[in-house]
Amino acid sequence: MPVTTDQPTSSGATPQKTGPVVFISAAEPSADLHGSKLIRAVREQDPSVRFVGIAGPLMREAGCEVVFDMTSHAAMLAGVFKVAPHAWEMLKRSKAYLRSNPVDLAVVIDSPTLNLPVAKYARRNRVPVLYYIAPQVWAWGKVRVYRVRRRTNRLGVILPFEEAFFRRYGIQADYVGHPLFDTLAQRVISDCDVAAVRAKGSPLITILPGSRKHVVDEVFGGQLEVADAILEQHPDAHFAISVANERTLPIVEEALAKTNIPYSLHRDANGVLMSASDLALVASGTASLETAYYHLPMIVMYNTTRLGWYALGKWAVCTKHLSLVNILADREIVPEFMPFYRSTEPIKRAALDLLGNPERLAAKRQELADLMNPMIKTGASQNAAAIVLEMLKAAGK
């Protein structure tokens, strides 16, 4: 029985198989972006490769035939239960397609809760599996590494230490570089733009409250409390606030209406802001890696529920540190206040201590440079594409 697609294919009809078929699964918008770049990188070398699977609009535009679009339903934490029916439908359609159609390789991208079952279905149907942006089992739930080993053939990992970690468990893993590094390397930063932002005040503080509404809700208020304390000690300070998207803008504007700090709002200007700033207040996540790329000293904050942390998170986490930068360094390079904080007083002290010690700020910049420079590897999509083509060749395709 044919699988009903969630949207029509890019050509309007299902083409016959003329080359290798890759089933690809990307369940979140970020994975849709990485998947689209991977598809293009593979097709630059072999246009005959056909991609079909769980894909969003960017992968569809790149030529992927869509079995189901999960990206518009993606959620985290409290929102998971709302999208459970969509997740179930995604898994049902993946299973049906893999069972009923000829597939030469499966590529799953990030999102282990959904993609490890997809990988299981693929292996059950004797389809080799590449996991691109592998599950962070080194951070929490380390026992899942055995599930990864059973359900995959190769991993394309995006953090350098992950290669050795997975190989210790007998999993063939290759460091392909972080997709973020490609984006950052392509940025053109104008000296005039940096100077214009720098002229707004001194010290200049960049605030990154996050890209998800619940994170901004939880973190931005605390960041503003720290900003108030900085302004009290440094009356010429200016706060450049990076707004990630339209969804978070109302939350940011509502909170700013209750404060008197001098601020400016910015979109798609992180390179300029980070090149100009003295310090960043960062919501935990990929933004901390981006900040480290620019060697900008930072304070990382996150404020999840205490109940959730003590009931589950505390027992599942396997790392000494929680912020990505400190995990990469295996020591505390940047102050981290997470997974929650009872008061912003210690955060204020940390910020004022850094801003009051230019030598310490300079030392932090050097530590971040020493950490980041050796690990920066561009070409993640091209490197992952090379693995795809290797696996297809090994399968005789």
Protein backbone atom coordinates (compact mmCIF):
# COMPACT_ATOMS: atom_id res chain seq x y z
CA MET A 1 0.00 0.00 0.00
CA PRO A 2 1.54 3.36 -0.98
CA VAL A 3 2.31 5.90 1.71
CA THR A 4 0.25 9.08 1.60
CA THR A 5 2.55 12.08 1.64
CA ASP A 6 1.94 15.05 3.95
CA GLN A 7 2.75 17.39 1.06
CA PRO A 8 3.28 16.79 -2.65
CA THR A 9 6.78 16.00 -3.81
CA SER A 10 8.92 18.75 -5.29
CA SER A 11 8.03 17.62 -8.80
CA GLY A 12 4.34 17.04 -8.09
CA ALA A 13 4.60 13.25 -8.63
CA THR A 14 6.58 10.40 -7.19
CA PRO A 15 9.45 9.68 -9.60
CA GLN A 16 10.69 6.21 -10.37
CA LYS A 17 13.95 5.15 -8.78
CA THR A 18 16.81 6.07 -11.10
CA GLY A 19 19.69 6.32 -8.60
CA PRO A 20 20.44 5.59 -4.95
CA VAL A 21 17.58 6.37 -2.56
CA VAL A 22 18.33 8.02 0.79
CA PHE A 23 15.61 8.18 3.43
CA ILE A 24 16.34 11.30 5.50
CA SER A 25 14.70 12.41 8.75
CA ALA A 26 14.79 15.94 10.20
CA ALA A 27 12.17 16.70 12.84
CA GLU A 28 13.04 20.27 13.85
CA PRO A 29 13.63 23.53 11.95
CA SER A 30 17.36 23.53 12.70
CA ALA A 31 17.66 19.97 11.39
CA ASP A 32 15.70 21.00 8.29
CA LEU A 33 18.37 23.63 7.63
CA HIS A 34 21.25 21.17 8.13
CA GLY A 35 19.45 18.57 6.04
CA SER A 36 18.94 20.97 3.16
CA LYS A 37 22.65 21.79 3.09
CA LEU A 38 23.53 18.09 3.23
CA ILE A 39 21.21 17.28 0.32
CA ARG A 40 22.76 19.99 -1.83
CA ALA A 41 26.29 18.89 -0.91
CA VAL A 42 25.56 15.28 -1.90
CA ARG A 43 23.88 16.26 -5.16
CA GLU A 44 26.77 18.50 -6.13
CA GLN A 45 28.83 15.31 -6.34
CA ASP A 46 26.14 12.86 -7.46
CA PRO A 47 22.93 14.37 -8.88
CA SER A 48 21.37 10.92 -9.22
CA VAL A 49 20.91 10.50 -5.45
CA ARG A 50 17.23 10.76 -4.52
CA PHE A 51 16.21 11.99 -1.07
CA VAL A 52 12.84 11.25 0.51
CA GLY A 53 11.61 11.37 4.08
CA ILE A 54 10.72 13.52 7.09
CA ALA A 55 11.52 17.01 5.90
CA GLY A 56 10.61 20.66 6.25
CA PRO A 57 10.37 23.46 3.70
CA LEU A 58 14.12 23.96 3.30
CA MET A 59 14.78 20.30 2.52
CA ARG A 60 11.80 20.27 0.19
CA GLU A 61 13.27 23.25 -1.64
CA ALA A 62 16.57 21.35 -1.89
CA GLY A 63 14.75 18.53 -3.70
CA CYS A 64 13.67 16.15 -0.93
CA GLU A 65 10.37 14.35 -1.41
CA VAL A 66 8.30 14.85 1.73
CA VAL A 67 6.64 11.92 3.46
CA PHE A 68 5.77 14.04 6.51
CA ASP A 69 6.71 17.52 7.77
CA MET A 70 7.41 17.45 11.51
CA THR A 71 9.25 20.78 11.62
CA SER A 72 6.08 22.85 11.97
CA HIS A 73 5.09 20.79 15.01
CA ALA A 74 8.46 20.71 16.80
CA ALA A 75 8.39 21.56 20.51
CA MET A 76 10.37 21.23 23.70
CA LEU A 77 9.63 20.50 27.33
CA ALA A 78 6.00 21.36 28.17
CA GLY A 79 5.03 21.43 24.51
CA VAL A 80 5.99 17.81 23.89
CA PHE A 81 2.58 16.43 24.86
CA LYS A 82 0.83 18.75 22.41
CA VAL A 83 2.81 17.39 19.47
CA ALA A 84 2.70 13.74 20.51
CA PRO A 85 0.04 12.86 17.90
CA HIS A 86 2.21 14.41 15.16
CA ALA A 87 5.26 12.53 16.42
CA TRP A 88 3.29 9.29 16.35
CA GLU A 89 2.20 10.01 12.78
CA MET A 90 5.79 10.80 11.77
CA LEU A 91 7.03 7.49 13.16
CA LYS A 92 4.15 5.55 11.60
CA ARG A 93 4.83 6.98 8.15
CA SER A 94 8.58 6.46 8.48
CA LYS A 95 8.07 2.84 9.42
CA ALA A 96 5.63 2.27 6.55
CA TYR A 97 7.92 3.86 3.97
CA LEU A 98 10.99 1.96 5.09
CA ARG A 99 9.05 -1.30 5.05
CA SER A 100 7.43 -0.79 1.63
CA ASN A 101 9.98 1.06 -0.51
CA PRO A 102 13.53 0.38 -1.72
CA VAL A 103 15.96 2.46 0.35
CA ASP A 104 19.76 2.30 0.13
CA LEU A 105 20.67 4.48 3.13
CA ALA A 106 18.96 6.26 6.00
CA VAL A 107 20.24 9.56 7.39
CA VAL A 108 18.77 10.83 10.65
CA ILE A 109 19.59 14.32 11.92
CA ASP A 110 19.60 15.28 15.62
CA SER A 111 16.32 14.83 17.63
CA PRO A 112 17.15 11.43 19.20
CA THR A 113 13.73 10.94 20.81
CA LEU A 114 12.20 10.70 17.35
CA ASN A 115 15.13 9.66 15.21
CA LEU A 116 16.43 6.72 17.22
CA PRO A 117 13.12 4.90 16.53
CA VAL A 118 13.46 5.83 12.84
CA ALA A 119 16.98 4.39 12.89
CA LYS A 120 15.61 1.23 14.50
CA TYR A 121 13.02 0.82 11.73
CA ALA A 122 15.73 1.31 9.10
CA ARG A 123 18.06 -1.27 10.58
CA ARG A 124 15.17 -3.69 10.97
CA ASN A 125 14.69 -3.41 7.19
CA ARG A 126 18.43 -3.91 6.58
CA VAL A 127 19.01 -0.27 5.64
CA PRO A 128 22.36 1.17 6.85
CA VAL A 129 22.05 4.27 9.02
CA LEU A 130 24.13 7.44 9.29
CA TYR A 131 23.35 9.61 12.31
CA TYR A 132 24.33 13.21 11.54
CA ILE A 133 24.52 15.45 14.64
CA ALA A 134 24.57 12.47 16.96
CA PRO A 135 22.68 12.24 20.27
CA GLN A 136 24.50 13.90 23.17
CA VAL A 137 24.55 10.73 25.23
CA TRP A 138 27.82 11.89 26.80
CA ALA A 139 25.83 14.67 28.52
CA TRP A 140 22.82 12.78 29.85
CA GLY A 141 21.47 9.26 29.78
CA LYS A 142 24.82 7.68 28.89
CA VAL A 143 23.22 4.24 28.83
CA ARG A 144 21.61 5.30 25.52
CA VAL A 145 25.00 4.92 23.84
CA TYR A 146 24.29 1.21 23.49
CA ARG A 147 21.03 1.99 21.71
CA VAL A 148 22.95 4.27 19.35
CA ARG A 149 25.41 1.45 18.67
CA ARG A 150 22.65 -1.03 17.87
CA ARG A 151 20.72 1.30 15.60
CA THR A 152 23.41 3.05 13.56
CA ASN A 153 26.32 2.19 11.29
CA ARG A 154 28.19 5.50 11.37
CA LEU A 155 27.99 8.85 13.10
CA GLY A 156 28.83 12.32 11.82
CA VAL A 157 29.55 14.23 15.03
CA ILE A 158 29.81 18.00 15.40
CA LEU A 159 31.95 18.34 18.54
CA PRO A 160 35.56 17.15 18.40
CA PHE A 161 35.59 15.10 21.62
CA GLU A 162 32.52 13.14 20.48
CA GLU A 163 34.59 11.19 17.95
CA ALA A 164 36.76 9.59 20.63
CA PHE A 165 33.81 9.16 23.00
CA PHE A 166 31.72 7.10 20.57
CA ARG A 167 34.71 5.14 19.27
CA ARG A 168 35.37 3.95 22.83
CA TYR A 169 32.01 2.21 22.58
CA GLY A 170 32.81 0.60 19.24
CA ILE A 171 30.85 3.09 17.11
CA GLN A 172 32.41 4.44 13.93
CA ALA A 173 32.25 8.20 14.44
CA ASP A 174 33.84 11.03 12.47
CA TYR A 175 34.13 14.68 13.45
CA VAL A 176 32.69 16.59 10.49
CA GLY A 177 32.74 20.06 12.05
CA HIS A 178 29.90 22.07 13.55
CA PRO A 179 27.43 23.51 11.00
CA LEU A 180 27.51 26.74 12.99
CA PHE A 181 31.16 27.26 12.05
CA ASP A 182 30.23 27.36 8.36
CA THR A 183 27.63 30.04 9.02
CA LEU A 184 30.00 32.12 11.12
CA ALA A 185 32.89 31.81 8.67
CA GLN A 186 30.68 33.23 5.91
CA ARG A 187 29.74 36.37 7.84
CA VAL A 188 31.09 39.68 6.61
CA ILE A 189 31.47 42.07 9.54
CA SER A 190 31.89 45.73 8.76
CA ASP A 191 34.34 47.72 10.88
CA CYS A 192 31.99 50.69 10.54
CA ASP A 193 29.09 48.69 11.96
CA VAL A 194 31.22 47.50 14.87
CA ALA A 195 32.36 51.05 15.58
CA ALA A 196 28.78 52.34 15.46
CA VAL A 197 27.63 49.81 18.05
CA ARG A 198 30.75 50.36 20.16
CA ALA A 199 30.01 54.09 20.27
CA LYS A 200 26.72 53.47 22.07
CA GLY A 201 28.38 53.06 25.44
CA SER A 202 31.15 51.61 27.53
CA PRO A 203 31.16 48.94 28.69
CA LEU A 204 29.05 47.40 25.94
CA ILE A 205 27.10 44.34 27.00
CA THR A 206 25.41 41.96 24.57
CA ILE A 207 22.35 40.14 25.91
CA LEU A 208 21.20 36.93 24.20
CA PRO A 209 17.97 35.77 25.86
CA GLY A 210 17.40 32.76 23.60
CA SER A 211 15.33 31.76 20.59
CA ARG A 212 12.55 29.81 22.29
CA LYS A 213 9.70 31.60 24.05
CA HIS A 214 9.87 29.55 27.23
CA VAL A 215 13.62 30.16 27.54
CA VAL A 216 13.22 33.93 27.09
CA ASP A 217 10.41 33.86 29.67
CA GLU A 218 12.67 32.10 32.16
CA VAL A 219 15.97 33.90 31.55
CA PHE A 220 15.48 37.43 30.25
CA GLY A 221 14.12 38.86 33.50
CA GLY A 222 17.23 37.70 35.33
CA GLN A 223 19.47 39.11 32.62
CA LEU A 224 17.79 42.50 33.07
CA GLU A 225 18.38 42.36 36.81
CA VAL A 226 22.08 41.83 36.11
CA ALA A 227 21.98 44.70 33.61
CA ASP A 228 20.51 47.01 36.29
CA ALA A 229 23.40 46.14 38.62
CA ILE A 230 25.97 46.78 35.88
CA LEU A 231 24.40 50.17 35.07
CA GLU A 232 24.57 51.19 38.71
CA GLN A 233 28.34 50.62 38.75
CA HIS A 234 28.95 51.68 35.12
CA PRO A 235 26.58 54.56 34.25
CA ASP A 236 27.89 54.81 30.67
CA ALA A 237 27.09 51.17 29.90
CA HIS A 238 24.92 50.19 26.96
CA PHE A 239 23.03 46.93 26.44
CA ALA A 240 22.70 45.51 22.93
CA ILE A 241 19.91 42.94 22.94
CA SER A 242 19.83 40.28 20.25
CA VAL A 243 16.25 39.31 19.37
CA ALA A 244 16.28 35.88 17.77
CA ASN A 245 12.89 35.97 16.05
CA GLU A 246 9.45 37.54 15.91
CA ARG A 247 8.04 35.01 18.37
CA THR A 248 10.26 36.22 21.20
CA LEU A 249 10.09 39.96 20.43
CA PRO A 250 6.87 40.65 22.42
CA ILE A 251 8.35 38.99 25.51
CA VAL A 252 11.50 41.09 25.20
CA GLU A 253 9.58 44.34 24.65
CA GLU A 254 7.23 43.70 27.57
CA ALA A 255 10.13 43.11 29.95
CA LEU A 256 12.06 46.15 28.68
CA ALA A 257 9.06 48.39 29.35
CA LYS A 258 9.67 47.78 33.06
CA THR A 259 13.34 48.79 33.09
CA ASN A 260 15.33 51.98 32.54
CA ILE A 261 18.52 50.51 31.09
CA PRO A 262 19.88 52.10 27.88
CA TYR A 263 19.39 49.47 25.20
CA SER A 264 19.16 48.81 21.49
CA LEU A 265 17.41 45.87 19.80
CA HIS A 266 19.14 43.95 17.02
CA ARG A 267 18.23 41.15 14.60
CA ASP A 268 20.73 39.05 12.65
CA ALA A 269 23.65 41.12 13.97
CA ASN A 270 25.38 38.80 16.42
CA GLY A 271 28.71 38.98 14.62
CA VAL A 272 28.77 42.77 14.92
CA LEU A 273 27.55 42.77 18.52
CA MET A 274 30.01 40.13 19.68
CA SER A 275 32.89 41.83 17.89
CA ALA A 276 32.08 45.10 19.64
CA SER A 277 31.15 43.96 23.15
CA ASP A 278 33.06 43.63 26.40
CA LEU A 279 30.82 40.95 27.93
CA ALA A 280 27.79 38.83 27.01
CA LEU A 281 24.91 37.54 29.10
CA VAL A 282 23.87 34.35 27.30
CA ALA A 283 21.00 31.92 27.65
CA SER A 284 22.49 28.44 27.59
CA GLY A 285 22.58 26.74 24.21
CA THR A 286 24.28 27.05 20.84
CA ALA A 287 24.52 30.83 21.40
CA SER A 288 27.26 30.17 23.95
CA LEU A 289 29.31 28.38 21.27
CA GLU A 290 28.74 31.31 18.90
CA THR A 291 29.88 33.74 21.61
CA ALA A 292 32.98 31.66 22.26
CA TYR A 293 33.76 31.69 18.52
CA TYR A 294 34.24 35.45 18.84
CA HIS A 295 36.31 34.99 22.02
CA LEU A 296 33.84 37.15 23.93
CA PRO A 297 33.77 36.64 27.72
CA MET A 298 30.30 35.60 28.83
CA ILE A 299 28.09 34.55 31.69
CA VAL A 300 25.78 31.64 30.87
CA MET A 301 22.34 31.47 32.47
CA TYR A 302 19.43 29.04 32.47
CA ASN A 303 16.49 28.83 34.84
CA THR A 304 14.50 25.65 34.51
CA THR A 305 12.13 24.32 37.17
CA ARG A 306 13.71 22.95 40.33
CA LEU A 307 11.15 20.13 40.46
CA GLY A 308 12.05 18.93 36.97
CA TRP A 309 15.77 19.08 37.73
CA TYR A 310 15.63 17.15 41.01
CA ALA A 311 13.05 14.67 39.76
CA LEU A 312 14.83 13.77 36.54
CA GLY A 313 17.59 16.00 35.22
CA LYS A 314 20.02 15.71 38.12
CA TRP A 315 20.10 11.92 37.85
CA ALA A 316 20.41 11.80 34.06
CA VAL A 317 23.16 14.38 33.52
CA CYS A 318 26.63 12.86 33.14
CA THR A 319 28.88 15.94 32.86
CA LYS A 320 30.69 18.01 35.48
CA HIS A 321 29.56 21.20 33.77
CA LEU A 322 26.32 22.14 32.04
CA SER A 323 27.22 24.94 29.63
CA LEU A 324 28.57 23.79 26.28
CA VAL A 325 31.71 25.94 26.47
CA ASN A 326 32.72 24.50 29.84
CA ILE A 327 31.91 20.98 28.67
CA LEU A 328 34.22 21.47 25.70
CA ALA A 329 36.96 22.83 27.96
CA ASP A 330 36.34 20.21 30.68
CA ARG A 331 36.69 23.03 33.20
CA GLU A 332 34.93 26.27 34.04
CA ILE A 333 36.15 28.88 31.59
CA VAL A 334 32.96 30.94 31.81
CA PRO A 335 30.71 31.42 34.86
CA GLU A 336 27.60 29.27 34.50
CA PHE A 337 24.42 29.66 36.52
CA MET A 338 22.26 26.71 35.57
CA PRO A 339 20.11 24.67 35.50
CA PHE A 340 18.44 27.26 37.76
CA TYR A 341 19.31 30.06 40.14
CA ARG A 342 17.52 31.15 43.29
CA SER A 343 18.86 34.70 43.12
CA THR A 344 20.68 36.86 40.59
CA GLU A 345 22.99 38.29 43.26
CA PRO A 346 25.86 35.83 42.51
CA ILE A 347 25.41 36.52 38.78
CA LYS A 348 25.64 40.26 39.37
CA ARG A 349 28.84 39.78 41.37
CA ALA A 350 30.37 37.66 38.61
CA ALA A 351 29.53 40.27 35.95
CA LEU A 352 30.84 43.18 37.99
CA ASP A 353 34.00 41.28 38.88
CA LEU A 354 34.77 40.68 35.21
CA LEU A 355 33.96 44.22 34.13
CA GLY A 356 36.01 45.64 36.98
CA ASN A 357 39.11 43.65 35.99
CA PRO A 358 40.30 44.38 32.45
CA GLU A 359 43.18 41.91 32.89
CA ARG A 360 40.73 39.15 33.78
CA LEU A 361 38.56 39.99 30.78
CA ALA A 362 41.63 39.80 28.54
CA ALA A 363 42.62 36.49 30.08
CA LYS A 364 39.14 35.09 29.44
CA ARG A 365 39.35 36.15 25.80
CA GLN A 366 42.64 34.31 25.47
CA GLU A 367 41.25 31.18 27.15
CA LEU A 368 38.33 31.17 24.72
CA ALA A 369 40.68 31.66 21.77
CA ASP A 370 42.87 28.77 22.94
CA LEU A 371 39.78 26.57 23.27
CA MET A 372 38.02 27.45 20.04
CA ASN A 373 40.73 27.97 17.44
CA PRO A 374 41.95 24.33 17.31
CA MET A 375 38.43 22.89 17.03
CA ILE A 376 37.04 25.11 14.30
CA LYS A 377 36.49 22.92 11.26
CA THR A 378 34.39 24.20 8.39
CA GLY A 379 32.65 22.24 5.66
CA ALA A 380 30.34 20.20 7.92
CA SER A 381 27.80 19.60 5.16
CA GLN A 382 30.46 18.61 2.63
CA ASN A 383 32.17 16.34 5.15
CA ALA A 384 28.88 14.64 6.04
CA ALA A 385 28.06 14.35 2.33
CA ALA A 386 31.34 12.51 1.79
CA ILE A 387 30.26 9.94 4.38
CA VAL A 388 26.87 9.54 2.67
CA LEU A 389 28.59 8.82 -0.64
CA GLU A 390 31.08 6.45 1.01
CA MET A 391 28.24 4.48 2.57
CA LEU A 392 26.33 4.32 -0.70
CA LYS A 393 29.47 3.11 -2.48
CA ALA A 394 30.05 0.48 0.20
CA ALA A 395 26.48 -0.72 -0.36
CA GLY A 396 27.24 -1.02 -4.07
CA LYS A 397 25.14 1.97 -5.08
